[in-house]
C-alpha cells in the first residue's frame, strides 16, 4: 500500500516538474522591416544586368593580372586559414550529429570487495551459499564484461536544432571564404594598377628631369653671356635635384608595392611581371550594378550574416529547451561473476539493465535563464549585424557608382589641363631662349606640368580601381 502511494507521489511530482519546467521565458526579438531601395539612385529604370555574375578571369583582361590572381588563390595564407575554419565548422556538424545517436561502448572490469561481517551485506553473504555446500567467498571478487548504451531522447528537438545551427555556421564559413576571395582579388588588382601607375609616374619624372637638365644647360650658357644670374642657375639645379629625389621616392614605392603583391601571393620578393602598354590609354572595365535586391544573393558577407542570424535563432531554441525535462535511456548487457571461470556459466552469469531517467530543473535555474538571455542577446546582435551588412553593401555600391561618374569628369578636365601645360612648356622654353621671360616662369611651368601629369595618372588609377571596387561590392569574384 505504501509502495503504491509512493509511486503515485513520484508520478505526480514528475508531472509537476514537467509543468513548471515548460514555463520558459519567451524571446524578445523585434525588428522593423527595412526593404532595400529599388535602385542605387543613378539609374532611372531597373536593370537586372549585374556584373557580379562575370567570372574574375573574364572580368580582368590583362593576362599578367589574371596570372597573379591565380597564384594568390592557391598560396595566400589568409585564404588557406579560412579554409581550415571551414574544416573546423564541418567537424562541429559531425559532433552535433553524433549527439543525436546512442552512445554504445564495451567495458571489462575486475575487482575485489571485503565487507564487514556485522553489516547487512556481510551477514547476508555469510548465510548464503553460492552452491550447495559452498559458502560465499570472503573477500568477494567481481569480474564483468558488458556492453552499455546511453541515449538522450531528443523530445524537444534540442539536439536537432543544435545540429541545424552547426550546419548554418558551416555554410556561413563557406560564405566567409568567398568574401575573403572577393576582397583578395580586388586587393591584388588595386596593387597591380598602383604598380602600373608608379611605373608611368617614374617615366614622367625621368622625362621631366631631362627637360629640366636641358633648361639648366641653357641658363648656364645665358649666365656666361651675362643674360642670366647665378640665382637662376641655382634655382634650376635645385629643381633638378628635387625631381631626382622624387625619382628615388617612386622607386621605393614600386619596391614596396611589388613586395605587397608578393605577400598576397604567398611568396618571397621577386619582380612582378606587368604590361608595358601606355597606362593612360587603359580603359576601366564596364560595370552594370543591376538591382540592389540582388546584393542579398550575390554578396558573400550578406549571405554569411543571414546564415549566422539563422544559427542564432536556432541557438535560442536550444537554450529554451534547457527549461524542459530531459529523457535519458541507459541499458547494459553482459556477464558478471565472482570468479573468471564462472563468467560464461549461463544463464546464471548474465546481467542486463534498462532504465529511463526523466529530469527537469526546478530550483535555482539562474544559470539556464542566464544562458537563454545570452542566446537571445546574440540573436539580436546577429539581426543588427545583418541589417548593418545590407546597409553597408548598398552604400558601398552607391559610393563607387558615384565615384566612377565623378572621376570620369575629373579625368577629362585634367587631361585638358595637361595638354595646356605641355604646350606652355614649349612656349616658355622658346621665350626663355629669347630672354622674353625669366627663369621663374620656366620653373613654375615645368613644376605645374609635372604635378598635373602625376595627378592625371592618379586619377586614371582611381578610375581603374573604382571599376574593380564596384565588381567587388556587387559580390563578384568568388564564383
Protein backbone atom coordinates (compact mmCIF):
# COMPACT_ATOMS: atom_id res chain seq x y z
CA UNK A 1 0.00 0.00 0.00
CA UNK A 2 2.79 2.39 0.92
CA UNK A 3 4.71 1.47 -2.26
CA UNK A 4 1.68 2.24 -4.41
CA UNK A 5 1.23 5.64 -2.78
CA UNK A 6 4.96 6.33 -3.17
CA UNK A 7 4.75 5.58 -6.90
CA UNK A 8 1.72 7.84 -7.18
CA UNK A 9 3.56 10.68 -5.46
CA UNK A 10 6.57 10.16 -7.75
CA UNK A 11 4.43 10.31 -10.89
CA UNK A 12 2.66 13.41 -9.62
CA UNK A 13 5.98 15.04 -8.83
CA UNK A 14 7.27 14.25 -12.32
CA UNK A 15 4.18 15.83 -13.89
CA UNK A 16 4.67 18.93 -11.74
CA UNK A 17 8.32 19.07 -12.78
CA UNK A 18 7.35 18.96 -16.44
CA UNK A 19 4.66 21.62 -16.00
CA UNK A 20 6.91 24.00 -14.10
CA UNK A 21 9.83 23.44 -16.44
CA UNK A 22 7.78 24.22 -19.52
CA UNK A 23 7.33 27.80 -18.37
CA UNK A 24 10.38 29.09 -20.19
CA UNK A 25 10.71 32.80 -20.95
CA UNK A 26 9.72 33.93 -24.40
CA UNK A 27 12.35 35.53 -26.66
CA UNK A 28 12.06 39.25 -27.26
CA UNK A 29 13.02 39.82 -30.87
CA UNK A 30 11.64 42.69 -32.84
CA UNK A 31 12.94 44.46 -35.92
CA UNK A 32 11.48 46.92 -38.32
CA UNK A 33 11.16 45.78 -41.89
CA UNK A 34 13.62 47.90 -43.87
CA UNK A 35 13.35 46.99 -47.54
CA UNK A 36 16.30 47.64 -49.82
CA UNK A 37 15.74 50.61 -52.19
CA UNK A 38 14.73 49.71 -55.73
CA UNK A 39 17.69 51.50 -57.34
CA UNK A 40 21.11 52.84 -56.38
CA UNK A 41 19.98 56.34 -57.32
CA UNK A 42 21.86 56.51 -60.62
CA UNK A 43 19.51 54.64 -62.92
CA UNK A 44 16.09 55.83 -63.96
CA UNK A 45 14.97 52.34 -64.89
CA UNK A 46 15.51 49.00 -63.24
CA UNK A 47 18.12 46.84 -64.98
CA UNK A 48 18.75 43.29 -63.80
CA UNK A 49 22.08 43.07 -65.65
CA UNK A 50 24.69 42.56 -62.96
CA UNK A 51 28.46 42.48 -63.45
CA UNK A 52 28.95 40.25 -60.40
CA UNK A 53 27.94 37.17 -62.42
CA UNK A 54 31.04 37.60 -64.62
CA UNK A 55 33.91 35.33 -63.61
CA UNK A 56 37.02 37.12 -62.37
CA UNK A 57 39.27 35.70 -65.10
CA UNK A 58 36.85 37.13 -67.66
CA UNK A 59 36.38 40.47 -65.91
CA UNK A 60 40.11 41.25 -65.98
CA UNK A 61 41.58 41.44 -69.49
CA UNK A 62 45.26 41.79 -68.50
CA UNK A 63 46.75 38.28 -68.59
CA UNK A 64 49.55 39.25 -66.22
CA UNK A 65 46.99 40.30 -63.61
CA UNK A 66 44.99 37.11 -64.17
CA UNK A 67 48.14 35.02 -63.59
CA UNK A 68 48.87 36.86 -60.34
CA UNK A 69 45.35 36.30 -59.02
CA UNK A 70 45.53 32.63 -59.95
CA UNK A 71 48.69 32.20 -57.87
CA UNK A 72 47.18 34.09 -54.92
CA UNK A 73 44.10 31.86 -54.84
CA UNK A 74 46.41 28.88 -54.34
CA UNK A 75 49.03 30.30 -51.97
CA UNK A 76 47.51 33.16 -49.96
CA UNK A 77 47.90 32.36 -46.25
CA UNK A 78 44.78 34.17 -45.08
CA UNK A 79 42.66 32.29 -47.59
CA UNK A 80 44.20 28.98 -46.53
CA UNK A 81 43.48 29.84 -42.88
CA UNK A 82 39.85 30.48 -43.83
CA UNK A 83 39.69 27.07 -45.49
CA UNK A 84 40.72 25.49 -42.19
CA UNK A 85 37.90 27.34 -40.45
CA UNK A 86 35.55 25.59 -42.88
CA UNK A 87 37.02 22.23 -41.86
CA UNK A 88 36.54 23.12 -38.19
CA UNK A 89 32.89 24.02 -38.80
CA UNK A 90 32.40 20.80 -40.76
CA UNK A 91 33.73 18.75 -37.84
CA UNK A 92 31.38 20.58 -35.48
CA UNK A 93 28.47 19.26 -37.56
CA UNK A 94 29.77 15.73 -37.06
CA UNK A 95 29.91 16.33 -33.30
CA UNK A 96 26.32 17.62 -33.19
CA UNK A 97 25.13 14.78 -35.38
CA UNK A 98 26.80 12.25 -33.09
CA UNK A 99 24.90 13.57 -30.08
CA UNK A 100 21.64 12.51 -31.74
CA UNK A 101 22.72 8.85 -31.73
CA UNK A 102 23.06 6.49 -28.76
CA UNK A 103 26.48 6.13 -27.19
CA UNK A 104 27.49 2.45 -27.24
CA UNK A 105 30.56 1.02 -25.61
CA UNK A 106 32.15 -2.09 -24.11
CA UNK A 107 33.72 -2.32 -20.71
CA UNK A 108 35.55 -5.04 -18.79
CA UNK A 109 36.35 -4.79 -15.12
CA UNK A 110 37.77 -6.76 -12.23
CA UNK A 111 37.67 -6.01 -8.52
CA UNK A 112 37.52 -7.42 -5.05
CA UNK A 113 35.35 -6.39 -2.09
CA UNK A 114 35.60 -7.15 1.62
CA UNK A 115 32.67 -6.00 3.71
CA UNK A 116 32.26 -6.08 7.45
CA UNK A 117 30.76 -9.21 8.96
CA UNK A 118 28.39 -7.25 11.11
CA UNK A 119 26.68 -5.40 8.23
CA UNK A 120 23.55 -6.30 6.35
CA UNK A 121 25.55 -7.34 3.29
CA UNK A 122 28.18 -9.18 5.33
CA UNK A 123 25.58 -11.02 7.36
CA UNK A 124 23.68 -11.93 4.22
CA UNK A 125 26.80 -13.20 2.42
CA UNK A 126 27.80 -15.30 5.43
CA UNK A 127 24.49 -17.14 5.45
CA UNK A 128 24.22 -17.54 1.67
CA UNK A 129 25.58 -20.47 -0.29
CA UNK A 130 26.75 -19.96 -3.87
CA UNK A 131 26.20 -23.67 -4.48
CA UNK A 132 25.00 -26.37 -2.15
CA UNK A 133 27.72 -26.69 0.47
CA UNK A 134 29.78 -23.73 -0.99
CA UNK A 135 29.68 -20.52 1.00
CA UNK A 136 30.02 -17.06 -0.49
CA UNK A 137 33.73 -16.24 -0.79
CA UNK A 138 35.18 -13.66 1.53
CA UNK A 139 36.55 -11.39 0.17
CA UNK A 140 34.20 -11.40 -2.82
CA UNK A 141 35.59 -10.95 -6.32
CA UNK A 142 33.80 -9.13 -9.12
CA UNK A 143 34.55 -9.74 -12.81
CA UNK A 144 32.44 -8.09 -15.52
CA UNK A 145 32.29 -7.98 -19.32
CA UNK A 146 29.40 -5.93 -20.66
CA UNK A 147 28.16 -3.69 -23.42
CA UNK A 148 26.40 -0.50 -22.44
CA UNK A 149 24.43 2.23 -24.19
CA UNK A 150 23.21 5.70 -23.27
CA UNK A 151 20.79 7.81 -25.28
CA UNK A 152 19.24 11.20 -24.71
CA UNK A 153 15.85 11.19 -26.40
CA UNK A 154 15.53 14.44 -28.35
CA UNK A 155 11.90 15.05 -27.43
CA UNK A 156 12.17 18.87 -27.63
CA UNK A 157 14.37 19.00 -30.77
CA UNK A 158 17.20 20.48 -28.75
CA UNK A 159 19.86 18.30 -30.34
CA UNK A 160 18.40 18.59 -33.83
CA UNK A 161 18.27 22.39 -33.58
CA UNK A 162 21.85 22.37 -32.33
CA UNK A 163 22.89 20.36 -35.40
CA UNK A 164 20.99 22.74 -37.71
CA UNK A 165 22.76 25.69 -36.10
CA UNK A 166 26.11 24.00 -36.75
CA UNK A 167 25.15 23.41 -40.39
CA UNK A 168 24.25 27.08 -40.84
CA UNK A 169 27.52 28.16 -39.24
CA UNK A 170 29.38 25.85 -41.60
CA UNK A 171 27.62 27.44 -44.56
CA UNK A 172 28.44 30.86 -43.08
CA UNK A 173 32.15 29.98 -43.02
CA UNK A 174 31.91 28.99 -46.69
CA UNK A 175 30.44 32.42 -47.47
CA UNK A 176 33.17 33.95 -45.32
CA UNK A 177 35.73 32.21 -47.51
CA UNK A 178 34.00 33.61 -50.60
CA UNK A 179 34.16 37.10 -49.08
CA UNK A 180 37.90 36.67 -48.48
CA UNK A 181 38.35 35.60 -52.12
CA UNK A 182 36.43 38.63 -53.38
CA UNK A 183 38.49 41.05 -51.31
CA UNK A 184 41.75 39.28 -52.14
CA UNK A 185 41.13 39.60 -55.89
CA UNK A 186 40.24 43.29 -55.52
CA UNK A 187 43.32 43.97 -53.38
CA UNK A 188 45.64 42.35 -55.92
CA UNK A 189 44.04 44.32 -58.76
CA UNK A 190 44.40 47.57 -56.76
CA UNK A 191 48.07 46.88 -56.09
CA UNK A 192 48.70 45.90 -59.70
CA UNK A 193 47.19 49.13 -61.06
CA UNK A 194 49.11 51.04 -58.39
CA UNK A 195 52.28 49.44 -59.74
CA UNK A 196 51.42 50.41 -63.32
CA UNK A 197 50.69 53.96 -62.17
CA UNK A 198 54.04 54.20 -60.37
CA UNK A 199 55.86 52.94 -63.48
CA UNK A 200 54.20 55.66 -65.54
CA UNK A 201 54.95 58.31 -62.93
CA UNK A 202 58.58 57.21 -62.92
CA UNK A 203 58.74 57.67 -66.70
CA UNK A 204 57.17 61.12 -66.39
CA UNK A 205 59.67 62.16 -63.71
CA UNK A 206 62.59 60.93 -65.84
CA UNK A 207 61.29 62.94 -68.80
CA UNK A 208 60.94 65.98 -66.58
CA UNK A 209 64.49 65.57 -65.28
CA UNK A 210 65.74 65.54 -68.89
CA UNK A 211 63.70 68.66 -69.64
CA UNK A 212 64.92 70.42 -66.53
CA UNK A 213 68.54 69.43 -67.24
CA UNK A 214 68.28 70.94 -70.71
CA UNK A 215 66.89 74.15 -69.23
CA UNK A 216 69.75 74.15 -66.72
CA UNK A 217 72.31 73.99 -69.54
CA UNK A 218 70.58 76.88 -71.29
CA UNK A 219 70.62 79.07 -68.18
CA UNK A 220 74.30 78.28 -67.67
CA UNK A 221 75.04 79.45 -71.21
CA UNK A 222 72.96 82.56 -70.62
CA UNK A 223 74.92 83.29 -67.46
CA UNK A 224 78.18 83.12 -69.40
CA UNK A 225 76.67 85.61 -71.84
CA UNK A 226 75.60 87.81 -68.90
CA UNK A 227 71.94 87.25 -69.77
CA UNK A 228 71.22 85.30 -66.53
CA UNK A 229 72.42 85.28 -62.95
CA UNK A 230 73.84 82.70 -60.55
CA UNK A 231 70.45 82.74 -58.78
CA UNK A 232 68.78 81.34 -61.89
CA UNK A 233 71.41 78.63 -62.21
CA UNK A 234 70.97 77.53 -58.59
CA UNK A 235 67.18 77.56 -58.89
CA UNK A 236 67.33 75.20 -61.88
CA UNK A 237 69.88 72.97 -60.11
CA UNK A 238 67.59 72.76 -57.06
CA UNK A 239 64.66 71.84 -59.27
CA UNK A 240 66.63 69.04 -60.94
CA UNK A 241 67.71 67.70 -57.55
CA UNK A 242 64.12 67.78 -56.31
CA UNK A 243 62.97 65.75 -59.30
CA UNK A 244 65.78 63.25 -58.82
CA UNK A 245 64.79 62.86 -55.19
CA UNK A 246 61.20 62.26 -56.31
CA UNK A 247 62.51 59.57 -58.68
CA UNK A 248 64.00 57.59 -55.80
CA UNK A 249 60.82 58.03 -53.75
CA UNK A 250 58.84 56.44 -56.58
CA UNK A 251 61.40 53.63 -56.91
CA UNK A 252 60.93 52.85 -53.22
CA UNK A 253 57.14 52.83 -53.62
CA UNK A 254 57.49 50.44 -56.56
CA UNK A 255 59.60 48.08 -54.45
CA UNK A 256 57.14 48.19 -51.56
CA UNK A 257 54.21 47.60 -53.90
CA UNK A 258 55.91 44.64 -55.53
CA UNK A 259 56.56 43.15 -52.09
CA UNK A 260 52.94 43.74 -51.11
CA UNK A 261 51.78 41.78 -54.15
CA UNK A 262 54.30 39.02 -53.42
CA UNK A 263 52.99 38.82 -49.85
CA UNK A 264 49.42 38.43 -51.12
CA UNK A 265 50.70 35.70 -53.44
CA UNK A 266 52.41 33.93 -50.52
CA UNK A 267 55.91 34.08 -51.97
CA UNK A 268 59.22 35.78 -51.33
CA UNK A 269 60.14 39.03 -53.15
CA UNK A 270 60.56 38.83 -56.88
CA UNK A 271 59.85 41.06 -59.84
CA UNK A 272 56.21 41.41 -60.78
CA UNK A 273 55.55 40.80 -64.45
CA UNK A 274 53.33 43.56 -65.82
CA UNK A 275 52.17 45.14 -69.05
CA UNK A 276 54.27 47.79 -70.80
CA UNK A 277 51.39 49.49 -72.61
CA UNK A 278 50.54 53.17 -72.11
CA UNK A 279 48.86 53.37 -68.73
CA UNK A 280 46.76 56.40 -69.63
CA UNK A 281 45.17 54.51 -72.53
CA UNK A 282 43.81 51.75 -70.29
CA UNK A 283 40.03 51.81 -70.04
CA UNK A 284 38.16 50.82 -66.85
CA UNK A 285 36.04 47.71 -67.12
CA UNK A 286 32.40 48.34 -67.93
CA UNK A 287 30.17 47.57 -64.95
CA UNK A 288 26.42 47.11 -64.52
CA UNK A 289 25.08 47.42 -60.98
CA UNK A 290 21.77 45.66 -61.52
CA UNK A 291 19.17 45.95 -58.76
CA UNK A 292 20.01 46.49 -55.07
CA UNK A 293 17.96 43.44 -54.08
CA UNK A 294 20.46 41.27 -55.95
CA UNK A 295 23.01 42.10 -53.26
CA UNK A 296 21.14 39.71 -50.95
CA UNK A 297 22.06 36.82 -53.22
CA UNK A 298 25.42 37.93 -54.63
CA UNK A 299 27.29 39.46 -51.68
CA UNK A 300 29.03 36.72 -49.64
CA UNK A 301 29.11 38.86 -46.48
CA UNK A 302 25.34 39.44 -46.67
CA UNK A 303 24.70 35.71 -47.10
CA UNK A 304 27.12 34.99 -44.25
CA UNK A 305 25.28 37.41 -41.94
CA UNK A 306 21.96 35.82 -42.91
CA UNK A 307 23.19 32.31 -42.11
CA UNK A 308 24.62 33.47 -38.79
CA UNK A 309 21.24 35.00 -37.96
CA UNK A 310 19.51 31.69 -38.68
CA UNK A 311 22.04 29.89 -36.48
CA UNK A 312 21.49 32.40 -33.67
CA UNK A 313 17.72 31.83 -33.82
CA UNK A 314 18.29 28.08 -33.51
CA UNK A 315 20.58 28.70 -30.54
CA UNK A 316 17.67 30.42 -28.79
CA UNK A 317 15.51 27.34 -29.34
CA UNK A 318 18.27 25.14 -27.92
CA UNK A 319 18.62 27.36 -24.86
CA UNK A 320 14.84 27.40 -24.42
CA UNK A 321 14.71 23.61 -24.48
CA UNK A 322 17.00 23.50 -21.43
CA UNK A 323 13.99 24.52 -19.33
CA UNK A 324 12.12 21.36 -20.34
CA UNK A 325 12.52 17.86 -18.86
CA UNK A 326 15.14 15.66 -20.47
CA UNK A 327 14.69 11.93 -21.00
CA UNK A 328 17.79 9.71 -20.82
CA UNK A 329 17.69 5.98 -21.52
CA UNK A 330 20.51 3.68 -20.46
CA UNK A 331 20.98 -0.04 -20.98
CA UNK A 332 23.59 -2.71 -20.35
CA UNK A 333 24.05 -6.39 -21.24
CA UNK A 334 26.87 -8.74 -20.34
CA UNK A 335 28.20 -11.32 -17.95
CA UNK A 336 29.31 -10.95 -14.32
CA UNK A 337 30.68 -13.40 -11.73
CA UNK A 338 32.90 -13.51 -8.65
CA UNK A 339 35.33 -15.88 -10.45
CA UNK A 340 36.52 -15.68 -14.06
CA UNK A 341 35.68 -19.35 -14.52
CA UNK A 342 32.02 -18.61 -13.85
CA UNK A 343 31.74 -15.72 -16.38
CA UNK A 344 30.35 -17.92 -19.11
CA UNK A 345 28.13 -20.06 -16.95
CA UNK A 346 24.74 -19.37 -18.45
CA UNK A 347 22.20 -18.19 -17.55
CA UNK A 348 23.50 -17.53 -14.03
CA UNK A 349 26.22 -15.03 -15.08
CA UNK A 350 24.08 -12.94 -17.42
CA UNK A 351 23.38 -9.36 -16.40
CA UNK A 352 21.20 -6.77 -18.11
CA UNK A 353 19.61 -3.47 -17.24
CA UNK A 354 17.28 -0.93 -18.83
CA UNK A 355 16.44 2.39 -17.21
CA UNK A 356 14.80 5.64 -18.15
CA UNK A 357 15.52 8.90 -16.39
CA UNK A 358 13.29 11.96 -16.61
CA UNK A 359 14.85 15.06 -15.06
CA UNK A 360 13.99 18.73 -15.16
CA UNK A 361 15.33 21.86 -13.48
CA UNK A 362 13.05 23.07 -10.71
CA UNK A 363 15.01 25.24 -8.29
CA UNK A 364 17.99 27.52 -8.93
CA UNK A 365 17.54 27.85 -12.66
CA UNK A 366 19.53 31.08 -12.84
CA UNK A 367 22.29 29.56 -14.97
CA UNK A 368 19.78 28.33 -17.54
CA UNK A 369 17.98 31.68 -17.54
CA UNK A 370 21.28 33.49 -18.00
CA UNK A 371 22.24 31.28 -20.95
CA UNK A 372 18.81 31.83 -22.52
CA UNK A 373 19.18 35.61 -22.13
CA UNK A 374 22.64 35.46 -23.67
CA UNK A 375 21.35 33.42 -26.62
CA UNK A 376 18.56 35.93 -27.14
CA UNK A 377 21.07 38.81 -26.99
CA UNK A 378 23.30 37.05 -29.52
CA UNK A 379 20.28 36.64 -31.78
CA UNK A 380 19.63 40.38 -31.62
CA UNK A 381 23.29 41.04 -32.35
CA UNK A 382 23.10 38.80 -35.42
CA UNK A 383 19.93 40.61 -36.53
CA UNK A 384 21.52 44.04 -36.20
CA UNK A 385 24.66 42.78 -37.93
CA UNK A 386 22.53 41.50 -40.83
CA UNK A 387 20.81 44.88 -41.20
CA UNK A 388 24.16 46.68 -40.97
CA UNK A 389 25.76 44.41 -43.58
CA UNK A 390 22.96 45.05 -46.08
CA UNK A 391 23.11 48.80 -45.49
CA UNK A 392 26.89 48.82 -45.84
CA UNK A 393 26.70 46.81 -49.08
CA UNK A 394 24.20 49.25 -50.58
CA UNK A 395 26.22 52.31 -49.58
CA UNK A 396 29.48 50.84 -50.89
CA UNK A 397 27.99 50.25 -54.34
CA UNK A 398 26.32 53.67 -54.32
CA UNK A 399 29.59 55.40 -53.42
CA UNK A 400 31.57 53.60 -56.11
CA UNK A 401 28.99 54.32 -58.82
CA UNK A 402 29.11 57.99 -57.90
CA UNK A 403 32.91 57.86 -57.86
CA UNK A 404 33.07 56.40 -61.37
CA UNK A 405 30.90 59.22 -62.71
CA UNK A 406 32.84 61.99 -60.97
CA UNK A 407 36.26 60.53 -61.79
CA UNK A 408 35.43 60.49 -65.49
CA UNK A 409 34.55 64.18 -65.40
CA UNK A 410 37.68 64.95 -63.38
CA UNK A 411 39.87 62.94 -65.75
CA UNK A 412 38.57 64.82 -68.79
CA UNK A 413 39.35 68.19 -67.18
CA UNK A 414 42.80 67.13 -66.01
CA UNK A 415 43.59 65.80 -69.48
CA UNK A 416 42.84 69.26 -70.88
CA UNK A 417 44.97 70.78 -68.14
CA UNK A 418 47.93 68.53 -69.03
CA UNK A 419 47.59 69.38 -72.73
CA UNK A 420 47.59 73.09 -71.93
CA UNK A 421 50.64 72.82 -69.67
CA UNK A 422 52.55 70.71 -72.22
CA UNK A 423 52.00 73.50 -74.73
CA UNK A 424 53.00 76.11 -72.17
CA UNK A 425 56.31 74.28 -71.57
CA UNK A 426 57.26 74.60 -75.24
CA UNK A 427 56.18 78.24 -75.29
CA UNK A 428 58.06 79.13 -72.10
CA UNK A 429 61.23 77.43 -73.33
CA UNK A 430 61.14 79.39 -76.59
CA UNK A 431 60.51 82.67 -74.77
CA UNK A 432 63.26 81.88 -72.27
CA UNK A 433 65.78 81.28 -75.02
CA UNK A 434 64.96 84.70 -76.48
CA UNK A 435 65.08 86.27 -72.99
CA UNK A 436 61.47 87.37 -73.17
CA UNK A 437 60.59 85.59 -69.86
CA UNK A 438 62.78 84.93 -66.84
CA UNK A 439 63.77 81.57 -65.33
CA UNK A 440 60.98 81.74 -62.74
CA UNK A 441 58.29 81.42 -65.44
CA UNK A 442 60.01 78.35 -66.87
CA UNK A 443 60.44 76.73 -63.46
CA UNK A 444 56.82 77.24 -62.44
CA UNK A 445 55.55 75.97 -65.79
CA UNK A 446 57.63 72.79 -65.57
CA UNK A 447 56.63 72.23 -61.96
CA UNK A 448 52.92 72.70 -62.71
CA UNK A 449 53.15 70.37 -65.68
CA UNK A 450 54.81 67.64 -63.60
CA UNK A 451 52.22 67.89 -60.84
CA UNK A 452 49.32 67.83 -63.29
CA UNK A 453 50.72 64.74 -65.08
CA UNK A 454 51.18 62.90 -61.79
CA UNK A 455 47.63 63.83 -60.76
CA UNK A 456 46.30 62.63 -64.11
CA UNK A 457 47.98 59.27 -63.57
CA UNK A 458 46.48 59.05 -60.06
CA UNK A 459 43.05 59.79 -61.45
CA UNK A 460 43.42 57.06 -64.08
CA UNK A 461 44.47 54.64 -61.36
CA UNK A 462 41.43 55.59 -59.27
CA UNK A 463 39.20 55.03 -62.30
CA UNK A 464 40.54 51.52 -62.79
CA UNK A 465 40.26 50.77 -59.06
CA UNK A 466 36.72 52.14 -58.88
CA UNK A 467 35.58 49.65 -61.52
CA UNK A 468 37.26 46.86 -59.54
CA UNK A 469 35.60 48.05 -56.33
CA UNK A 470 32.14 48.05 -57.93
CA UNK A 471 32.78 44.50 -59.11
CA UNK A 472 33.83 43.56 -55.57
CA UNK A 473 30.99 45.40 -53.83
CA UNK A 474 28.39 43.79 -56.10
CA UNK A 475 29.68 40.40 -54.93
CA UNK A 476 31.78 39.47 -57.94
CA UNK A 477 34.97 37.44 -57.93
CA UNK A 478 34.18 34.43 -55.75
CA UNK A 479 32.21 32.39 -58.29
